[in-house]
N, C-alpha and C. Protein backbone atom coordinates (compact mmCIF):
# COMPACT_ATOMS: atom_id res chain seq x y z
N UNK A 1 100.30 65.71 124.39
CA UNK A 1 100.56 65.54 126.06
C UNK A 1 98.79 65.92 126.12
N UNK A 2 98.43 64.93 127.43
CA UNK A 2 97.17 65.19 127.71
C UNK A 2 96.38 66.06 128.80
N UNK A 3 95.75 67.13 128.98
CA UNK A 3 95.34 68.38 129.09
C UNK A 3 94.74 68.03 130.00
N UNK A 4 94.08 67.18 130.30
CA UNK A 4 92.45 66.44 131.30
C UNK A 4 92.09 64.97 131.09
N UNK A 5 92.22 64.67 132.41
CA UNK A 5 91.06 62.69 132.07
C UNK A 5 89.96 62.87 132.93
N UNK A 6 89.57 61.73 132.27
CA UNK A 6 87.77 61.81 133.73
C UNK A 6 87.63 60.15 133.80
N UNK A 7 87.11 59.50 134.40
CA UNK A 7 86.92 57.99 134.42
C UNK A 7 85.19 57.65 134.59
N UNK A 8 84.48 57.35 133.66
CA UNK A 8 83.17 57.23 132.49
C UNK A 8 82.66 56.23 134.34
N UNK A 9 81.24 56.83 134.85
CA UNK A 9 80.29 56.36 135.17
C UNK A 9 80.54 54.69 135.84
N UNK A 10 80.57 54.40 134.71
CA UNK A 10 80.94 52.46 134.66
C UNK A 10 82.19 51.97 135.39
N UNK A 11 83.40 53.12 135.80
CA UNK A 11 84.94 52.99 135.56
C UNK A 11 85.86 52.02 135.11
N UNK A 12 85.47 51.97 133.70
CA UNK A 12 85.91 50.54 132.99
C UNK A 12 86.45 51.79 132.07
N UNK A 13 86.36 52.63 131.71
CA UNK A 13 87.32 54.57 130.73
C UNK A 13 87.62 55.16 131.39
N UNK A 14 88.48 55.51 130.86
CA UNK A 14 88.96 57.36 130.63
C UNK A 14 88.97 57.66 129.70
N UNK A 15 88.52 59.10 129.72
CA UNK A 15 88.39 59.99 128.63
C UNK A 15 89.44 61.00 129.02
N UNK A 16 90.51 60.71 127.47
CA UNK A 16 91.22 62.27 127.88
C UNK A 16 91.12 63.22 126.98
N UNK A 17 91.24 64.20 126.92
CA UNK A 17 91.40 65.30 125.97
C UNK A 17 93.02 65.94 125.88
N UNK A 18 93.55 66.51 124.74
CA UNK A 18 95.37 66.48 124.56
C UNK A 18 95.30 67.06 123.82
N UNK A 19 96.31 67.88 123.46
CA UNK A 19 96.83 68.87 122.83
C UNK A 19 96.85 68.54 121.25
N UNK A 20 96.89 67.20 121.43
CA UNK A 20 96.82 67.22 119.71
C UNK A 20 94.89 67.70 119.01
N UNK A 21 94.48 67.93 120.13
CA UNK A 21 93.48 68.50 119.75
C UNK A 21 92.32 66.86 119.82
N UNK A 22 92.62 66.23 120.16
CA UNK A 22 91.97 64.43 120.07
C UNK A 22 90.94 65.25 121.57
N UNK A 23 90.37 63.96 121.29
CA UNK A 23 89.66 63.07 122.76
C UNK A 23 89.28 61.91 122.63
N UNK A 24 90.49 60.51 123.69
CA UNK A 24 90.48 59.33 123.13
C UNK A 24 89.92 58.57 124.97
N UNK A 25 89.37 57.86 124.44
CA UNK A 25 88.91 56.97 125.01
C UNK A 25 89.79 55.63 125.80
N UNK A 26 89.89 55.17 126.99
CA UNK A 26 90.95 54.46 126.99
C UNK A 26 90.34 53.17 127.79
N UNK A 27 89.99 52.29 127.00
CA UNK A 27 90.30 50.75 128.92
C UNK A 27 90.79 50.45 129.67
N UNK A 28 90.88 51.08 131.09
CA UNK A 28 91.23 50.74 132.01
C UNK A 28 92.24 49.62 132.22
N UNK A 29 91.26 48.13 131.42
CA UNK A 29 92.11 46.94 131.84
C UNK A 29 92.66 46.67 130.80
N UNK A 30 92.92 47.13 129.33
CA UNK A 30 93.96 46.62 128.19
C UNK A 30 95.04 47.97 128.33
N UNK A 31 94.66 49.13 128.87
CA UNK A 31 95.69 50.59 128.10
C UNK A 31 95.15 51.09 127.12
N UNK A 32 94.80 50.17 126.47
CA UNK A 32 94.52 50.40 124.86
C UNK A 32 93.93 52.01 124.23
N UNK A 33 93.67 52.86 123.57
CA UNK A 33 92.56 53.78 122.80
C UNK A 33 91.60 52.37 122.04
N UNK A 34 90.83 52.92 122.46
CA UNK A 34 89.89 52.34 121.96
C UNK A 34 88.76 53.09 121.07
N UNK A 35 88.56 54.41 121.27
CA UNK A 35 88.02 55.33 120.81
C UNK A 35 88.87 56.93 120.46
N UNK A 36 88.62 57.39 118.85
CA UNK A 36 89.40 58.84 119.04
C UNK A 36 88.77 59.54 118.31
N UNK A 37 88.66 60.81 118.79
CA UNK A 37 87.50 61.93 118.56
C UNK A 37 88.29 63.35 118.06
N UNK A 38 88.23 63.52 116.65
CA UNK A 38 89.10 64.60 116.47
C UNK A 38 88.43 65.59 115.71
N UNK A 39 87.48 65.84 116.29
CA UNK A 39 86.42 67.35 116.19
C UNK A 39 86.87 68.57 115.47
N UNK A 40 87.75 68.90 117.40
CA UNK A 40 88.55 70.14 117.32
C UNK A 40 89.39 71.25 117.36
N UNK A 41 89.45 71.80 116.69
CA UNK A 41 90.64 72.49 116.31
C UNK A 41 91.27 73.04 116.80
N UNK A 42 91.52 72.92 118.10
CA UNK A 42 93.40 73.35 119.01
C UNK A 42 92.54 72.59 119.61
N UNK A 43 93.55 72.34 120.96
CA UNK A 43 93.52 72.15 122.28
C UNK A 43 92.80 71.47 122.61
N UNK A 44 92.22 70.24 123.28
CA UNK A 44 91.27 70.01 124.21
C UNK A 44 91.47 70.71 125.42
N UNK A 45 90.99 71.70 126.26
CA UNK A 45 90.94 71.95 127.55
C UNK A 45 90.87 71.38 129.06
N UNK A 46 89.56 70.57 128.63
CA UNK A 46 88.90 70.27 129.04
C UNK A 46 87.71 68.75 128.68
N UNK A 47 87.34 68.06 129.87
CA UNK A 47 86.63 67.21 129.39
C UNK A 47 85.92 66.63 130.61
N UNK A 48 84.45 66.32 130.75
CA UNK A 48 83.77 66.22 131.85
C UNK A 48 82.09 64.95 131.41
N UNK A 49 82.38 64.12 131.35
CA UNK A 49 81.25 63.10 131.30
C UNK A 49 79.90 63.34 132.21
N UNK A 50 78.95 63.35 132.16
CA UNK A 50 77.24 63.49 132.66
C UNK A 50 76.90 62.34 133.76
N UNK A 51 76.54 62.59 134.24
CA UNK A 51 76.34 61.11 135.02
C UNK A 51 76.10 60.00 134.75
N UNK A 52 75.87 60.67 133.98
CA UNK A 52 74.78 59.12 133.41
C UNK A 52 75.50 57.52 131.82
N UNK A 53 76.65 58.89 132.18
CA UNK A 53 77.77 58.56 130.95
C UNK A 53 77.63 58.71 129.63
N UNK A 54 76.65 59.67 129.59
CA UNK A 54 75.42 59.04 128.34
C UNK A 54 76.03 60.72 127.08
N UNK A 55 76.70 61.29 128.32
CA UNK A 55 77.52 62.86 126.88
C UNK A 55 78.86 63.12 127.98
N UNK A 56 79.19 63.78 126.51
CA UNK A 56 80.64 64.51 126.90
C UNK A 56 80.67 66.06 126.53
N UNK A 57 81.09 66.13 127.71
CA UNK A 57 80.90 68.28 127.76
C UNK A 57 83.05 68.31 127.37
N UNK A 58 83.16 68.81 126.19
CA UNK A 58 84.90 69.34 126.03
C UNK A 58 85.12 70.67 125.95
N UNK A 59 85.73 70.92 126.17
CA UNK A 59 86.67 72.44 125.54
C UNK A 59 87.85 72.90 124.73
N UNK A 60 87.60 73.45 124.37
CA UNK A 60 89.00 73.18 123.10
C UNK A 60 89.76 74.85 122.99
N UNK A 61 90.68 75.05 122.81
CA UNK A 61 91.74 76.71 122.74
C UNK A 61 90.55 76.31 121.17
N UNK A 62 90.00 75.92 120.03
CA UNK A 62 88.81 76.91 118.96
C UNK A 62 88.10 77.14 119.41
N UNK A 63 87.69 78.28 120.38
CA UNK A 63 86.79 78.81 121.26
C UNK A 63 85.39 78.51 120.98
N UNK A 64 85.38 77.43 121.74
CA UNK A 64 84.39 76.23 121.47
C UNK A 64 83.80 74.84 122.91
N UNK A 65 82.80 74.79 123.52
CA UNK A 65 82.40 73.72 123.90
C UNK A 65 81.04 73.71 123.40
N UNK A 66 81.53 71.95 122.98
CA UNK A 66 80.65 70.69 123.31
C UNK A 66 79.82 69.76 123.83
N UNK A 67 78.99 69.79 122.76
CA UNK A 67 78.73 68.28 124.07
C UNK A 67 78.21 67.39 122.95
N UNK A 68 79.03 66.30 123.50
CA UNK A 68 78.88 65.23 122.95
C UNK A 68 77.65 64.43 122.61
N UNK A 69 76.65 63.57 122.52
CA UNK A 69 76.31 62.16 122.27
C UNK A 69 76.83 61.52 122.20
N UNK A 70 77.36 60.55 123.35
CA UNK A 70 78.41 58.90 123.11
C UNK A 70 77.89 58.82 122.67
N UNK A 71 76.72 57.75 122.64
CA UNK A 71 75.53 56.88 121.83
C UNK A 71 76.48 56.75 119.73
N UNK A 72 76.81 58.39 119.57
CA UNK A 72 76.42 58.56 118.26
C UNK A 72 77.84 59.22 118.10
N UNK A 73 79.04 59.31 119.20
CA UNK A 73 80.66 60.22 119.43
C UNK A 73 80.12 61.73 117.90
N UNK A 74 79.00 61.65 117.95
CA UNK A 74 79.24 62.90 117.54
C UNK A 74 78.20 64.15 118.36
N UNK A 75 79.44 65.32 117.91
CA UNK A 75 78.70 67.00 118.53
C UNK A 75 77.06 67.38 118.38
N UNK A 76 76.62 67.24 119.42
CA UNK A 76 75.19 67.58 119.54
C UNK A 76 75.11 69.67 119.74
N UNK A 77 75.32 69.62 120.35
CA UNK A 77 75.69 71.55 120.26
C UNK A 77 76.58 71.92 120.34
N UNK A 78 76.67 73.25 120.32
CA UNK A 78 78.04 74.06 120.90
C UNK A 78 77.68 75.18 121.70
N UNK A 79 78.85 75.13 122.89
CA UNK A 79 78.46 76.84 123.87
C UNK A 79 79.61 77.93 123.43
N UNK A 80 78.73 78.64 122.54
CA UNK A 80 79.47 80.07 122.63
C UNK A 80 80.28 81.21 123.66
N UNK A 81 80.57 82.21 123.33
CA UNK A 81 80.61 83.32 123.57
C UNK A 81 81.25 84.00 124.15
N UNK A 82 82.58 83.04 125.35
CA UNK A 82 83.18 83.09 126.07
C UNK A 82 84.80 83.06 125.08
N UNK A 83 85.72 83.68 125.57
CA UNK A 83 86.89 83.12 125.61
C UNK A 83 88.42 82.27 125.68
N UNK A 84 89.17 81.17 124.76
CA UNK A 84 89.94 80.09 125.15
C UNK A 84 90.18 80.12 124.26
N UNK A 85 91.20 81.00 123.87
CA UNK A 85 91.98 80.73 122.79
C UNK A 85 93.43 80.84 122.54
N UNK A 86 94.23 81.09 123.24
CA UNK A 86 95.71 81.30 123.94
C UNK A 86 96.12 80.46 125.29
N UNK A 87 97.28 80.90 125.52
CA UNK A 87 98.08 79.94 126.13
C UNK A 87 96.94 79.50 127.79
N UNK A 88 96.30 80.41 127.76
CA UNK A 88 95.51 79.23 128.94
C UNK A 88 94.19 77.85 128.93
N UNK A 89 94.22 76.85 129.89
CA UNK A 89 93.82 76.26 130.15
C UNK A 89 92.06 76.29 130.36
N UNK A 90 91.46 76.13 129.63
CA UNK A 90 90.05 76.41 130.83
C UNK A 90 89.47 75.61 130.45
N UNK A 91 88.52 75.36 131.22
CA UNK A 91 87.72 74.04 132.08
C UNK A 91 86.05 74.47 132.17
N UNK A 92 85.20 73.03 131.61
CA UNK A 92 84.35 72.94 131.91
C UNK A 92 83.22 72.65 132.42
N UNK A 93 82.18 72.24 133.04
CA UNK A 93 81.62 71.68 134.16
C UNK A 93 79.62 71.74 134.15
N UNK A 94 79.15 70.50 134.10
CA UNK A 94 77.79 70.56 133.44
C UNK A 94 77.49 71.01 135.60
N UNK A 95 76.08 71.88 135.13
CA UNK A 95 75.37 72.87 135.94
C UNK A 95 74.43 71.78 136.67
N UNK A 96 73.50 72.40 137.36
CA UNK A 96 72.28 71.29 137.94
C UNK A 96 71.41 71.07 137.03
N UNK A 97 70.87 69.36 137.96
CA UNK A 97 70.11 68.77 136.63
C UNK A 97 71.03 68.73 135.19
N UNK A 98 72.46 68.54 134.79
CA UNK A 98 72.70 68.75 134.21
C UNK A 98 72.01 69.82 132.53
N UNK A 99 71.12 70.34 132.83
CA UNK A 99 70.37 71.41 131.60
C UNK A 99 71.58 72.45 131.65
N UNK A 100 72.75 72.93 132.62
CA UNK A 100 73.56 73.77 133.21
C UNK A 100 75.14 73.16 131.87
N UNK A 101 75.55 74.47 131.30
CA UNK A 101 77.42 74.30 130.74
C UNK A 101 77.55 76.04 132.29
N UNK A 102 78.54 75.57 132.60
CA UNK A 102 79.43 76.58 133.72
C UNK A 102 80.94 76.16 133.19
N UNK A 103 81.32 77.65 131.98
CA UNK A 103 82.96 77.56 132.02
C UNK A 103 83.33 78.55 131.98
N UNK A 104 84.77 78.73 132.19
CA UNK A 104 85.47 79.42 132.47
C UNK A 104 86.19 80.72 131.30
N UNK A 105 86.74 81.83 131.23
CA UNK A 105 86.62 82.40 129.65
C UNK A 105 88.50 83.60 130.38
N UNK A 106 89.00 83.40 129.59
CA UNK A 106 90.43 83.89 129.28
C UNK A 106 89.50 85.98 129.28
N UNK A 107 88.64 86.71 128.98
CA UNK A 107 87.78 87.29 129.97
C UNK A 107 87.43 87.51 131.04
N UNK A 108 87.78 87.97 132.14
CA UNK A 108 87.53 86.80 133.62
C UNK A 108 85.88 86.46 133.73
N UNK A 109 85.34 86.03 133.23
CA UNK A 109 83.91 85.78 133.14
C UNK A 109 83.94 84.36 133.85
N UNK A 110 82.68 84.16 134.32
CA UNK A 110 81.84 82.88 134.43
C UNK A 110 80.53 82.89 133.33
N UNK A 111 81.15 81.29 131.87
CA UNK A 111 79.23 82.05 131.49
C UNK A 111 78.36 80.67 131.64
N UNK A 112 76.76 80.73 131.77
CA UNK A 112 76.41 79.71 132.04
C UNK A 112 75.61 79.59 130.85
N UNK A 113 75.58 78.88 130.09
CA UNK A 113 74.64 77.86 128.70
C UNK A 113 73.34 77.35 129.49
N UNK A 114 72.54 77.85 128.71
CA UNK A 114 71.40 76.29 128.61
C UNK A 114 71.39 75.93 127.75
N UNK A 115 71.68 74.48 127.98
CA UNK A 115 71.92 73.16 127.47
C UNK A 115 70.81 72.72 125.63
N UNK A 116 70.37 73.04 126.83
CA UNK A 116 69.14 73.12 125.42
C UNK A 116 68.69 74.37 124.07
N UNK A 117 69.07 75.09 124.78
CA UNK A 117 68.89 76.46 123.32
C UNK A 117 70.99 76.75 123.11
N UNK A 118 71.45 76.02 123.30
CA UNK A 118 73.26 77.16 123.72
C UNK A 118 72.88 78.80 123.66
N UNK A 119 72.25 79.03 124.63
CA UNK A 119 72.05 80.01 124.99
C UNK A 119 72.79 80.87 126.36
N UNK A 120 73.36 81.60 126.36
CA UNK A 120 73.97 82.66 127.15
C UNK A 120 73.21 82.80 127.90
N UNK A 121 72.68 82.07 129.45
CA UNK A 121 71.85 82.91 130.20
C UNK A 121 71.65 82.93 131.37
N UNK A 122 73.93 83.40 131.39
CA UNK A 122 73.99 84.79 132.30
C UNK A 122 75.75 84.43 132.52
N UNK A 123 76.07 85.26 132.80
CA UNK A 123 77.04 85.75 133.34
C UNK A 123 77.24 86.80 134.35
N UNK A 124 78.58 86.27 134.64
CA UNK A 124 79.42 85.88 136.49
C UNK A 124 80.82 86.86 136.39
N UNK A 125 81.18 87.88 136.61
CA UNK A 125 82.21 87.94 137.19
C UNK A 125 83.24 88.04 138.45
N UNK A 126 84.42 87.09 137.39
CA UNK A 126 85.15 85.99 138.34
C UNK A 126 86.15 87.66 139.43
N UNK A 127 86.00 88.99 138.36
CA UNK A 127 87.49 89.35 138.52
C UNK A 127 88.36 89.49 138.00
N UNK A 128 89.26 89.73 138.45
CA UNK A 128 90.43 90.13 137.29
C UNK A 128 91.14 88.82 136.97
N UNK A 129 91.59 88.98 135.11
CA UNK A 129 91.69 87.98 134.34
C UNK A 129 91.49 86.31 133.95
N UNK A 130 92.14 85.88 133.79
CA UNK A 130 91.62 84.38 133.26
C UNK A 130 90.84 83.78 133.99
N UNK A 131 89.59 83.34 134.49
CA UNK A 131 89.19 82.55 134.75
C UNK A 131 88.80 80.42 134.04
N UNK A 132 89.82 79.83 134.68
CA UNK A 132 90.26 79.06 134.21
C UNK A 132 89.44 77.43 134.66
N UNK A 133 88.82 76.98 135.96
CA UNK A 133 87.81 76.12 136.26
C UNK A 133 86.99 76.99 136.94
N UNK A 134 85.87 76.50 137.15
CA UNK A 134 84.32 75.91 137.17
C UNK A 134 83.83 74.86 137.79
N UNK A 135 83.85 74.54 139.25
CA UNK A 135 82.72 73.28 139.31
C UNK A 135 82.25 73.53 139.89
N UNK A 136 80.98 72.65 139.57
CA UNK A 136 78.77 72.84 140.14
C UNK A 136 79.70 71.58 141.78
N UNK A 137 79.20 71.58 142.58
CA UNK A 137 78.60 70.93 143.80
C UNK A 137 77.58 71.40 144.55
N UNK A 138 76.24 70.11 143.48
CA UNK A 138 75.65 69.60 143.83
C UNK A 138 74.50 69.55 145.22
N UNK A 139 75.64 68.52 145.92
CA UNK A 139 74.99 68.46 147.42
C UNK A 139 75.23 70.01 148.42
N UNK A 140 75.42 70.71 147.48
CA UNK A 140 75.88 72.43 148.84
C UNK A 140 74.97 73.01 147.94
N UNK A 141 74.68 73.53 146.37
CA UNK A 141 73.98 74.06 145.52
C UNK A 141 75.11 74.91 145.55
N UNK A 142 76.00 74.94 144.76
CA UNK A 142 77.47 76.04 144.66
C UNK A 142 78.29 76.23 143.88
N UNK A 143 78.35 76.57 143.12
CA UNK A 143 79.30 76.89 141.59
C UNK A 143 80.70 77.14 142.18
N UNK A 144 81.83 77.16 142.01
CA UNK A 144 83.24 77.15 142.71
C UNK A 144 83.91 78.06 141.23
N UNK A 145 85.11 78.95 141.30
CA UNK A 145 85.54 79.75 139.58
C UNK A 145 86.85 79.91 140.84
N UNK A 146 87.19 79.65 139.54
CA UNK A 146 89.29 80.30 140.10
C UNK A 146 90.08 80.06 139.07
N UNK A 147 90.68 81.46 139.41
CA UNK A 147 91.25 82.15 138.37
C UNK A 147 92.54 82.81 138.07
N UNK A 148 92.83 83.70 137.67
CA UNK A 148 94.95 84.23 137.25
C UNK A 148 94.62 85.76 138.18
N UNK A 149 93.72 85.82 139.14
CA UNK A 149 93.84 86.66 140.19
C UNK A 149 94.09 86.16 141.55
N UNK A 150 94.63 84.73 141.36
CA UNK A 150 94.85 83.60 142.38
C UNK A 150 93.85 83.52 143.04
N UNK A 151 92.51 83.72 143.22
CA UNK A 151 91.03 83.84 144.19
C UNK A 151 89.96 82.68 144.19
N UNK A 152 89.56 81.79 144.75
CA UNK A 152 88.46 81.19 144.12
C UNK A 152 87.75 81.66 144.54
N UNK A 153 86.63 81.59 144.10
CA UNK A 153 84.99 82.02 144.28
C UNK A 153 83.35 81.71 144.44
N UNK A 154 83.18 81.46 144.49
CA UNK A 154 81.94 80.56 145.25
C UNK A 154 80.79 81.52 145.14
N UNK A 155 79.60 80.62 143.66
CA UNK A 155 78.02 81.31 143.64
C UNK A 155 76.75 79.89 144.48
N UNK A 156 76.03 80.33 145.21
CA UNK A 156 75.15 79.80 145.03
C UNK A 156 73.86 79.76 144.12
N UNK A 157 73.08 78.27 144.34
CA UNK A 157 72.32 78.09 143.40
C UNK A 157 70.96 78.20 143.69
N UNK A 158 69.82 79.89 143.68
CA UNK A 158 68.89 79.63 143.92
C UNK A 158 67.37 79.29 143.25
N UNK A 159 67.24 78.08 142.93
CA UNK A 159 66.70 77.46 142.05
C UNK A 159 65.01 78.61 141.78
N UNK A 160 64.83 79.58 143.24
CA UNK A 160 63.29 79.90 142.92
C UNK A 160 62.98 81.52 142.36
N UNK A 161 64.27 81.77 141.72
CA UNK A 161 64.57 83.00 141.59
C UNK A 161 63.55 82.26 139.85
N UNK A 162 64.38 81.71 139.40
CA UNK A 162 63.30 81.22 137.89
C UNK A 162 63.54 79.88 138.14
N UNK A 163 62.34 79.23 137.53
CA UNK A 163 62.09 78.22 137.62
C UNK A 163 62.82 77.27 136.58
N UNK A 164 63.52 78.04 135.25
CA UNK A 164 63.50 76.93 133.97
C UNK A 164 65.37 76.50 134.71
N UNK A 165 66.49 78.09 134.77
CA UNK A 165 67.76 77.86 135.16
C UNK A 165 67.85 78.25 136.46
N UNK A 166 67.39 78.76 137.11
CA UNK A 166 67.20 79.56 138.44
C UNK A 166 68.41 80.73 138.27
N UNK A 167 69.22 81.29 139.12
CA UNK A 167 69.67 82.18 139.39
C UNK A 167 71.68 81.43 140.42
N UNK A 168 72.12 82.76 139.36
CA UNK A 168 73.55 82.38 140.79
C UNK A 168 73.62 83.59 141.70
N UNK A 169 73.25 84.19 142.98
CA UNK A 169 73.60 84.99 143.74
C UNK A 169 74.63 84.34 144.97
N UNK A 170 74.92 85.81 145.58
CA UNK A 170 75.67 85.41 146.69
C UNK A 170 76.94 85.67 146.61
N UNK A 171 78.13 85.90 146.37
CA UNK A 171 79.09 86.24 145.32
C UNK A 171 79.96 86.08 146.87
N UNK A 172 81.00 85.20 146.55
CA UNK A 172 81.26 85.19 147.92
C UNK A 172 83.67 84.94 148.06
N UNK A 173 84.84 85.05 147.87
CA UNK A 173 85.28 85.22 148.27
C UNK A 173 85.18 83.46 149.22
N UNK A 174 86.82 83.06 149.17
CA UNK A 174 86.50 82.21 150.26
C UNK A 174 87.35 81.74 151.24
N UNK A 175 87.78 83.33 151.17
CA UNK A 175 87.93 83.40 153.14
C UNK A 175 86.15 83.89 153.26
N UNK A 176 85.19 83.11 152.63
CA UNK A 176 83.70 83.09 153.20
C UNK A 176 83.15 85.60 153.77
N UNK A 177 84.05 85.85 152.97
CA UNK A 177 83.43 87.73 153.08
C UNK A 177 82.80 87.74 151.61
N UNK A 178 81.69 88.85 152.05
CA UNK A 178 81.19 89.50 150.80
C UNK A 178 81.96 90.43 149.92
N UNK A 179 82.20 89.78 148.22
CA UNK A 179 83.18 90.57 147.47
C UNK A 179 82.50 92.22 147.32
N UNK A 180 82.89 93.05 147.91
CA UNK A 180 83.06 94.11 147.50
C UNK A 180 82.93 95.16 146.46
């Protein structure tokens, strides 16, 4: 079964991640699978494309997040340190200027990786339980996360705090109240 899908920027392909550990590319007009990637060792829980469509970000229950060069259909980066191994569907996304990767984790943290160095640059505590999904909003410079504890949280991106990757601050629950 398919766990996640996205359109490419041109709208002519759908990229899907599946429980059979594959990433597939589907032609929208014909409905045919035109390419299959099978490098993950566990269920693919998330797929995301860069704005240009040149890079693909995937998450898997093999405990890895991978960045793919779509021209070569090869993984070029691997982001580690989080937990994604059991029954949960943990998702990742591209961050500001596609220089950061944001990801959920079963250990109740949001992980932030530098896309070039593959290093964790920050961990944000979401609360109790797994963090299932993260989503970046470039228009508002906000990162949102949701998790097993039943909450969605947002963090504001402050680029002025660090020239290269910035920092996330001002954590709030979705009701607008600061977390204590």
